[in-house]
Structure formats: structure tokens, C-alpha cells
Amino acid sequence: MNGNTRTSLKPGMTVLVVQKQDQRTGKLTKGIIKDILTKSPNHPHGIKVRLQSGEVGRVKEIVLE
């Protein structure tokens, strides 16, 4: 699943995000959603979230456990 639609994301979900400084390399960071920062219902580059670790990035993939 991808993270382009806000309705598919909820706090507590495990996701892979790309942080601003990692956009060129495409390095993904795994974490648990704390807050959803994007207000629009969808975004072509991924919904921006804050992880419980405090890191901010755009969701590229939802991790199904």
C-alpha cells in the first residue's frame, strides 16, 4: 500500500517515510505515525507525517504486520 491518501493512514500505524534530506537518495525511515501533518485528502508525493521518534517525512509505504 502507498501513502498518497490521508484516509488510509492513522496514528499508530507503522510506515516507511522519506525525509527531506533523503529525497535525493530515496533512503526510507521506518517508524510509527504520531501525527498526520498534511491537511489535504491526498498528495502525489505522499502524506506528510510526524513519527513517534519526532522525525518528519512523506509516507512512501505502509508496513503490514
Foldseek 3Di string as FASTA:
>chain_A
DFAFFPVVDDFQFWFWFAAPVCPVVPDTDIATFDAFDDPDGGDPQATWTQGPVRGIGGTGGTDDD
